[in-house]
Amino acid sequence: MSDLFSGAGKSTTAQLFAKEHGHVYYEADCFMNLLNPYISLDVPEPSLAQMDQKCITGYSRESLTTIFQGMDEFPKLMECKEYDVELMKTWYSEMAKDILKEKNKFGGSWAVAQAVPSREFRETIRKVLGDQCIFVILNLSEETNAKRLDGRHADMDEETKKGILTMMQAMYKLYEPAGEDEDNAVDVEIGPEMDKAAVAKAVLEKVSKYL
């Protein structure tokens, strides 16, 4: 389970784990948007490719209500505004149930990409997935954020990129690192010169003791 905010590399890292280590890559942002969470392993930007995924059906009325409520609440979290914590805990629990259902169906090791900002939310997910769930918190400096933003959105004007970077830095403060007493959670520091392979290697080194 990857735990980090937008632009940190969670989707790319999960995709690499699938391509190089045989994991199943589940893009959890798709759950919120009722889209197929299994993105092709060949796309260069998996997080951007999710909007090309097909819609899926079969959700219960209760699940749909939770998902739609989460869609209304999640932007408040991302914009650093006051939000309903209990509602978001219900949303993360519903997402975890879908992951567990799919994992029981297909088996294997999984790499899940999703932003989970707090230890409280991680504990909510653990109640569903149990000890098999390992959280990886990717930590980026402002310099690293700026470089990644340049690479992903090179066509943006500088003023727009500056605004996005400011928002990302504000969001960064919301995300709690792994606690020293927190089981199955690791922090990975991402430097500005680290490429996709280097990030995946750093993550693998951190989680290898759990595998």
C-alpha atoms as a PDB file:
ATOM      1  CA  MET A   1       0.000   0.000   0.000  1.00  0.00           C
ATOM      2  CA  SER A   2       1.500   3.328  -1.028  1.00  0.00           C
ATOM      3  CA  ASP A   3       0.597   6.314   1.111  1.00  0.00           C
ATOM      4  CA  LEU A   4       1.461   9.752  -0.238  1.00  0.00           C
ATOM      5  CA  PHE A   5       0.020  12.842  -1.828  1.00  0.00           C
ATOM      6  CA  SER A   6      -0.455  13.838  -5.463  1.00  0.00           C
ATOM      7  CA  GLY A   7       2.707  13.934  -7.561  1.00  0.00           C
ATOM      8  CA  ALA A   8       4.875  11.962  -5.160  1.00  0.00           C
ATOM      9  CA  GLY A   9       5.100   8.927  -7.434  1.00  0.00           C
ATOM     10  CA  LYS A  10       2.699   6.487  -5.808  1.00  0.00           C
ATOM     11  CA  SER A  11       1.113   5.327  -9.084  1.00  0.00           C
ATOM     12  CA  THR A  12       4.418   5.065 -10.937  1.00  0.00           C
ATOM     13  CA  THR A  13       5.980   3.090  -8.087  1.00  0.00           C
ATOM     14  CA  ALA A  14       3.002   0.730  -7.873  1.00  0.00           C
ATOM     15  CA  GLN A  15       3.132   0.256 -11.649  1.00  0.00           C
ATOM     16  CA  LEU A  16       6.859  -0.591 -11.505  1.00  0.00           C
ATOM     17  CA  PHE A  17       6.246  -3.111  -8.732  1.00  0.00           C
ATOM     18  CA  ALA A  18       3.711  -4.782 -11.004  1.00  0.00           C
ATOM     19  CA  LYS A  19       5.989  -4.762 -14.053  1.00  0.00           C
ATOM     20  CA  GLU A  20       9.194  -5.835 -12.325  1.00  0.00           C
ATOM     21  CA  HIS A  21       8.080  -7.829  -9.288  1.00  0.00           C
ATOM     22  CA  GLY A  22       4.790  -9.397 -10.359  1.00  0.00           C
ATOM     23  CA  HIS A  23       2.484  -7.417  -8.079  1.00  0.00           C
ATOM     24  CA  VAL A  24      -1.093  -6.563  -9.011  1.00  0.00           C
ATOM     25  CA  TYR A  25      -1.327  -2.785  -9.483  1.00  0.00           C
ATOM     26  CA  TYR A  26      -4.586  -1.356  -8.124  1.00  0.00           C
ATOM     27  CA  GLU A  27      -5.145   2.380  -8.701  1.00  0.00           C
ATOM     28  CA  ALA A  28      -7.370   3.320  -5.770  1.00  0.00           C
ATOM     29  CA  ASP A  29      -8.256   6.760  -7.176  1.00  0.00           C
ATOM     30  CA  CYS A  30     -10.351   4.808  -9.679  1.00  0.00           C
ATOM     31  CA  PHE A  31     -12.474   3.457  -6.838  1.00  0.00           C
ATOM     32  CA  MET A  32     -13.622   6.980  -6.012  1.00  0.00           C
ATOM     33  CA  ASN A  33     -14.559   7.605  -9.643  1.00  0.00           C
ATOM     34  CA  LEU A  34     -16.219   4.198 -10.256  1.00  0.00           C
ATOM     35  CA  LEU A  35     -13.571   3.301 -12.830  1.00  0.00           C
ATOM     36  CA  ASN A  36     -11.684   0.093 -13.576  1.00  0.00           C
ATOM     37  CA  PRO A  37      -8.715   0.217 -11.120  1.00  0.00           C
ATOM     38  CA  TYR A  38      -6.466  -2.008 -13.245  1.00  0.00           C
ATOM     39  CA  ILE A  39      -4.477   0.423 -15.379  1.00  0.00           C
ATOM     40  CA  SER A  40      -2.254  -0.842 -18.187  1.00  0.00           C
ATOM     41  CA  LEU A  41       1.337  -1.439 -17.181  1.00  0.00           C
ATOM     42  CA  ASP A  42       2.522   0.149 -20.431  1.00  0.00           C
ATOM     43  CA  VAL A  43       1.236   3.723 -19.993  1.00  0.00           C
ATOM     44  CA  PRO A  44       3.968   6.299 -19.210  1.00  0.00           C
ATOM     45  CA  GLU A  45       1.883   8.250 -16.665  1.00  0.00           C
ATOM     46  CA  PRO A  46      -0.438   5.809 -14.862  1.00  0.00           C
ATOM     47  CA  SER A  47      -2.015   8.411 -12.579  1.00  0.00           C
ATOM     48  CA  LEU A  48      -3.001  10.546 -15.579  1.00  0.00           C
ATOM     49  CA  ALA A  49      -4.248   7.500 -17.512  1.00  0.00           C
ATOM     50  CA  GLN A  50      -6.955   6.652 -15.011  1.00  0.00           C
ATOM     51  CA  MET A  51      -9.477   8.957 -16.677  1.00  0.00           C
ATOM     52  CA  ASP A  52      -9.273   6.735 -19.755  1.00  0.00           C
ATOM     53  CA  GLN A  53     -10.470   3.748 -17.736  1.00  0.00           C
ATOM     54  CA  LYS A  54     -13.933   2.353 -18.317  1.00  0.00           C
ATOM     55  CA  CYS A  55     -16.706   2.729 -15.739  1.00  0.00           C
ATOM     56  CA  ILE A  56     -17.624  -0.325 -13.711  1.00  0.00           C
ATOM     57  CA  THR A  57     -20.966  -1.278 -12.170  1.00  0.00           C
ATOM     58  CA  GLY A  58     -22.252  -3.657  -9.531  1.00  0.00           C
ATOM     59  CA  TYR A  59     -21.858  -1.473  -6.434  1.00  0.00           C
ATOM     60  CA  SER A  60     -24.506  -1.681  -3.734  1.00  0.00           C
ATOM     61  CA  ARG A  61     -26.613   1.382  -2.934  1.00  0.00           C
ATOM     62  CA  GLU A  62     -24.801   1.668   0.402  1.00  0.00           C
ATOM     63  CA  SER A  63     -21.379   1.591  -1.272  1.00  0.00           C
ATOM     64  CA  LEU A  64     -22.407   4.171  -3.849  1.00  0.00           C
ATOM     65  CA  THR A  65     -23.670   6.497  -1.125  1.00  0.00           C
ATOM     66  CA  THR A  66     -20.338   6.226   0.703  1.00  0.00           C
ATOM     67  CA  ILE A  67     -18.344   6.786  -2.492  1.00  0.00           C
ATOM     68  CA  PHE A  68     -20.360   9.846  -3.535  1.00  0.00           C
ATOM     69  CA  GLN A  69     -20.117  11.352  -0.066  1.00  0.00           C
ATOM     70  CA  GLY A  70     -16.368  10.796  -0.145  1.00  0.00           C
ATOM     71  CA  MET A  71     -16.129  12.504  -3.529  1.00  0.00           C
ATOM     72  CA  ASP A  72     -17.748  15.577  -1.970  1.00  0.00           C
ATOM     73  CA  GLU A  73     -15.524  15.501   1.101  1.00  0.00           C
ATOM     74  CA  PHE A  74     -12.140  14.587  -0.404  1.00  0.00           C
ATOM     75  CA  PRO A  75     -11.583  17.971  -2.136  1.00  0.00           C
ATOM     76  CA  LYS A  76     -11.904  19.696   1.240  1.00  0.00           C
ATOM     77  CA  LEU A  77      -9.099  17.532   2.567  1.00  0.00           C
ATOM     78  CA  MET A  78      -6.929  18.247  -0.478  1.00  0.00           C
ATOM     79  CA  GLU A  79      -7.540  21.994  -0.137  1.00  0.00           C
ATOM     80  CA  CYS A  80      -6.623  21.923   3.570  1.00  0.00           C
ATOM     81  CA  LYS A  81     -10.163  22.843   4.609  1.00  0.00           C
ATOM     82  CA  GLU A  82     -12.183  21.416   7.485  1.00  0.00           C
ATOM     83  CA  TYR A  83     -13.697  18.057   6.560  1.00  0.00           C
ATOM     84  CA  ASP A  84     -15.744  15.240   8.088  1.00  0.00           C
ATOM     85  CA  VAL A  85     -13.174  12.813   9.514  1.00  0.00           C
ATOM     86  CA  GLU A  86     -15.692  10.093  10.348  1.00  0.00           C
ATOM     87  CA  LEU A  87     -17.158  10.209   6.856  1.00  0.00           C
ATOM     88  CA  MET A  88     -13.675   9.856   5.334  1.00  0.00           C
ATOM     89  CA  LYS A  89     -12.920   6.928   7.641  1.00  0.00           C
ATOM     90  CA  THR A  90     -16.048   5.250   6.294  1.00  0.00           C
ATOM     91  CA  TRP A  91     -14.870   5.985   2.749  1.00  0.00           C
ATOM     92  CA  TYR A  92     -11.389   4.516   3.355  1.00  0.00           C
ATOM     93  CA  SER A  93     -12.978   1.460   4.954  1.00  0.00           C
ATOM     94  CA  GLU A  94     -15.195   0.971   1.893  1.00  0.00           C
ATOM     95  CA  MET A  95     -12.174   1.287  -0.387  1.00  0.00           C
ATOM     96  CA  ALA A  96     -10.281  -1.288   1.689  1.00  0.00           C
ATOM     97  CA  LYS A  97     -13.226  -3.698   1.432  1.00  0.00           C
ATOM     98  CA  ASP A  98     -13.092  -3.426  -2.354  1.00  0.00           C
ATOM     99  CA  ILE A  99      -9.335  -4.078  -2.349  1.00  0.00           C
ATOM    100  CA  LEU A 100      -9.805  -7.128  -0.117  1.00  0.00           C
ATOM    101  CA  LYS A 101     -12.619  -8.455  -2.301  1.00  0.00           C
ATOM    102  CA  GLU A 102     -10.479  -8.103  -5.430  1.00  0.00           C
ATOM    103  CA  LYS A 103      -7.387  -9.556  -3.769  1.00  0.00           C
ATOM    104  CA  ASN A 104      -9.332 -12.597  -2.595  1.00  0.00           C
ATOM    105  CA  LYS A 105     -10.550 -13.021  -6.161  1.00  0.00           C
ATOM    106  CA  PHE A 106      -7.155 -12.822  -7.891  1.00  0.00           C
ATOM    107  CA  GLY A 107      -4.621 -13.591  -5.144  1.00  0.00           C
ATOM    108  CA  GLY A 108      -0.963 -12.603  -5.283  1.00  0.00           C
ATOM    109  CA  SER A 109       0.933  -9.614  -3.901  1.00  0.00           C
ATOM    110  CA  TRP A 110      -0.579  -6.181  -4.459  1.00  0.00           C
ATOM    111  CA  ALA A 111       0.702  -2.635  -4.911  1.00  0.00           C
ATOM    112  CA  VAL A 112      -2.059  -0.127  -4.186  1.00  0.00           C
ATOM    113  CA  ALA A 113      -1.687   3.555  -5.018  1.00  0.00           C
ATOM    114  CA  GLN A 114      -3.707   5.902  -2.845  1.00  0.00           C
ATOM    115  CA  ALA A 115      -3.199   9.059  -0.762  1.00  0.00           C
ATOM    116  CA  VAL A 116      -3.843   8.272   2.914  1.00  0.00           C
ATOM    117  CA  PRO A 117      -2.995  11.401   4.910  1.00  0.00           C
ATOM    118  CA  SER A 118      -3.135  10.272   8.526  1.00  0.00           C
ATOM    119  CA  ARG A 119      -2.285   7.425  10.831  1.00  0.00           C
ATOM    120  CA  GLU A 120      -5.935   7.391  11.891  1.00  0.00           C
ATOM    121  CA  PHE A 121      -6.966   6.589   8.318  1.00  0.00           C
ATOM    122  CA  ARG A 122      -4.221   3.982   8.024  1.00  0.00           C
ATOM    123  CA  GLU A 123      -5.589   2.278  11.134  1.00  0.00           C
ATOM    124  CA  THR A 124      -9.057   2.334   9.568  1.00  0.00           C
ATOM    125  CA  ILE A 125      -7.713   0.505   6.520  1.00  0.00           C
ATOM    126  CA  ARG A 126      -5.783  -1.980   8.682  1.00  0.00           C
ATOM    127  CA  LYS A 127      -9.005  -2.992  10.399  1.00  0.00           C
ATOM    128  CA  VAL A 128     -10.147  -4.334   7.020  1.00  0.00           C
ATOM    129  CA  LEU A 129      -6.902  -5.573   5.456  1.00  0.00           C
ATOM    130  CA  GLY A 130      -5.085  -6.702   8.593  1.00  0.00           C
ATOM    131  CA  ASP A 131      -1.347  -7.261   8.964  1.00  0.00           C
ATOM    132  CA  GLN A 132      -0.928  -8.026   5.267  1.00  0.00           C
ATOM    133  CA  CYS A 133      -1.159  -4.287   4.606  1.00  0.00           C
ATOM    134  CA  ILE A 134       2.156  -2.381   4.496  1.00  0.00           C
ATOM    135  CA  PHE A 135       2.065   1.402   4.201  1.00  0.00           C
ATOM    136  CA  VAL A 136       4.819   3.236   2.374  1.00  0.00           C
ATOM    137  CA  ILE A 137       4.986   6.969   3.027  1.00  0.00           C
ATOM    138  CA  LEU A 138       6.961   8.802   0.324  1.00  0.00           C
ATOM    139  CA  ASN A 139       8.427  12.072   1.577  1.00  0.00           C
ATOM    140  CA  LEU A 140       9.427  14.783  -0.906  1.00  0.00           C
ATOM    141  CA  SER A 141      11.276  18.052  -0.391  1.00  0.00           C
ATOM    142  CA  GLU A 142      10.070  21.272  -2.027  1.00  0.00           C
ATOM    143  CA  GLU A 143      12.935  20.956  -4.526  1.00  0.00           C
ATOM    144  CA  THR A 144      11.857  17.440  -5.450  1.00  0.00           C
ATOM    145  CA  ASN A 145       8.239  18.528  -5.802  1.00  0.00           C
ATOM    146  CA  ALA A 146       9.211  21.351  -8.139  1.00  0.00           C
ATOM    147  CA  LYS A 147      11.312  19.068 -10.333  1.00  0.00           C
ATOM    148  CA  ARG A 148       8.563  16.455 -10.579  1.00  0.00           C
ATOM    149  CA  LEU A 149       6.008  19.124 -11.424  1.00  0.00           C
ATOM    150  CA  ASP A 150       8.254  20.410 -14.201  1.00  0.00           C
ATOM    151  CA  GLY A 151       8.594  16.930 -15.631  1.00  0.00           C
ATOM    152  CA  ARG A 152       4.895  16.125 -15.546  1.00  0.00           C
ATOM    153  CA  HIS A 153       3.513  19.508 -16.624  1.00  0.00           C
ATOM    154  CA  ALA A 154       6.243  21.047 -18.738  1.00  0.00           C
ATOM    155  CA  ASP A 155       3.645  22.810 -20.902  1.00  0.00           C
ATOM    156  CA  MET A 156       2.219  24.830 -17.993  1.00  0.00           C
ATOM    157  CA  ASP A 157       3.106  28.487 -17.546  1.00  0.00           C
ATOM    158  CA  GLU A 158       5.291  29.344 -14.561  1.00  0.00           C
ATOM    159  CA  GLU A 159       2.543  31.126 -12.629  1.00  0.00           C
ATOM    160  CA  THR A 160       0.248  28.093 -12.810  1.00  0.00           C
ATOM    161  CA  LYS A 161       3.030  25.736 -11.766  1.00  0.00           C
ATOM    162  CA  LYS A 162       3.912  28.012  -8.867  1.00  0.00           C
ATOM    163  CA  GLY A 163       0.301  27.919  -7.674  1.00  0.00           C
ATOM    164  CA  ILE A 164       0.162  24.122  -7.890  1.00  0.00           C
ATOM    165  CA  LEU A 165       3.477  23.790  -6.065  1.00  0.00           C
ATOM    166  CA  THR A 166       2.234  26.058  -3.274  1.00  0.00           C
ATOM    167  CA  MET A 167      -0.893  23.914  -2.940  1.00  0.00           C
ATOM    168  CA  MET A 168       1.165  20.717  -2.909  1.00  0.00           C
ATOM    169  CA  GLN A 169       3.400  22.050  -0.139  1.00  0.00           C
ATOM    170  CA  ALA A 170       0.346  22.927   1.945  1.00  0.00           C
ATOM    171  CA  MET A 171      -1.023  19.425   1.369  1.00  0.00           C
ATOM    172  CA  TYR A 172       2.324  17.931   2.343  1.00  0.00           C
ATOM    173  CA  LYS A 173       1.889  19.232   5.899  1.00  0.00           C
ATOM    174  CA  LEU A 174      -1.305  17.193   6.252  1.00  0.00           C
ATOM    175  CA  TYR A 175       0.438  13.868   5.737  1.00  0.00           C
ATOM    176  CA  GLU A 176       1.719  12.114   8.822  1.00  0.00           C
ATOM    177  CA  PRO A 177       4.962  10.130   8.642  1.00  0.00           C
ATOM    178  CA  ALA A 178       5.094   6.598   9.960  1.00  0.00           C
ATOM    179  CA  GLY A 179       5.112   6.547  13.751  1.00  0.00           C
ATOM    180  CA  GLU A 180       7.991   4.846  15.542  1.00  0.00           C
ATOM    181  CA  ASP A 181       5.465   2.549  17.225  1.00  0.00           C
ATOM    182  CA  GLU A 182       3.417   2.002  14.052  1.00  0.00           C
ATOM    183  CA  ASP A 183       3.560  -1.529  12.708  1.00  0.00           C
ATOM    184  CA  ASN A 184       3.875  -2.224   8.974  1.00  0.00           C
ATOM    185  CA  ALA A 185       4.574   1.372   7.982  1.00  0.00           C
ATOM    186  CA  VAL A 186       7.782   2.818   6.549  1.00  0.00           C
ATOM    187  CA  ASP A 187       8.991   6.227   5.391  1.00  0.00           C
ATOM    188  CA  VAL A 188      10.957   6.651   2.156  1.00  0.00           C
ATOM    189  CA  GLU A 189      12.765   9.910   1.429  1.00  0.00           C
ATOM    190  CA  ILE A 190      12.621  10.901  -2.251  1.00  0.00           C
ATOM    191  CA  GLY A 191      15.472  13.096  -3.481  1.00  0.00           C
ATOM    192  CA  PRO A 192      15.352  15.375  -6.557  1.00  0.00           C
ATOM    193  CA  GLU A 193      17.803  13.200  -8.504  1.00  0.00           C
ATOM    194  CA  MET A 194      16.003   9.907  -7.928  1.00  0.00           C
ATOM    195  CA  ASP A 195      14.377   8.429 -11.028  1.00  0.00           C
ATOM    196  CA  LYS A 196      11.466   5.956 -11.099  1.00  0.00           C
ATOM    197  CA  ALA A 197      13.723   2.930 -10.744  1.00  0.00           C
ATOM    198  CA  ALA A 198      15.589   4.458  -7.796  1.00  0.00           C
ATOM    199  CA  VAL A 199      12.346   5.205  -5.970  1.00  0.00           C
ATOM    200  CA  ALA A 200      11.043   1.674  -6.547  1.00  0.00           C
ATOM    201  CA  LYS A 201      14.367   0.243  -5.317  1.00  0.00           C
ATOM    202  CA  ALA A 202      14.250   2.386  -2.168  1.00  0.00           C
ATOM    203  CA  VAL A 203      10.689   1.250  -1.466  1.00  0.00           C
ATOM    204  CA  LEU A 204      11.583  -2.408  -2.022  1.00  0.00           C
ATOM    205  CA  GLU A 205      14.523  -2.124   0.385  1.00  0.00           C
ATOM    206  CA  LYS A 206      12.249  -0.654   3.055  1.00  0.00           C
ATOM    207  CA  VAL A 207       9.502  -3.264   2.745  1.00  0.00           C
ATOM    208  CA  SER A 208      11.740  -6.306   2.159  1.00  0.00           C
ATOM    209  CA  LYS A 209      11.762  -7.139   5.871  1.00  0.00           C
ATOM    210  CA  TYR A 210       8.007  -7.687   5.677  1.00  0.00           C
ATOM    211  CA  LEU A 211       8.091  -9.895   2.572  1.00  0.00           C
END
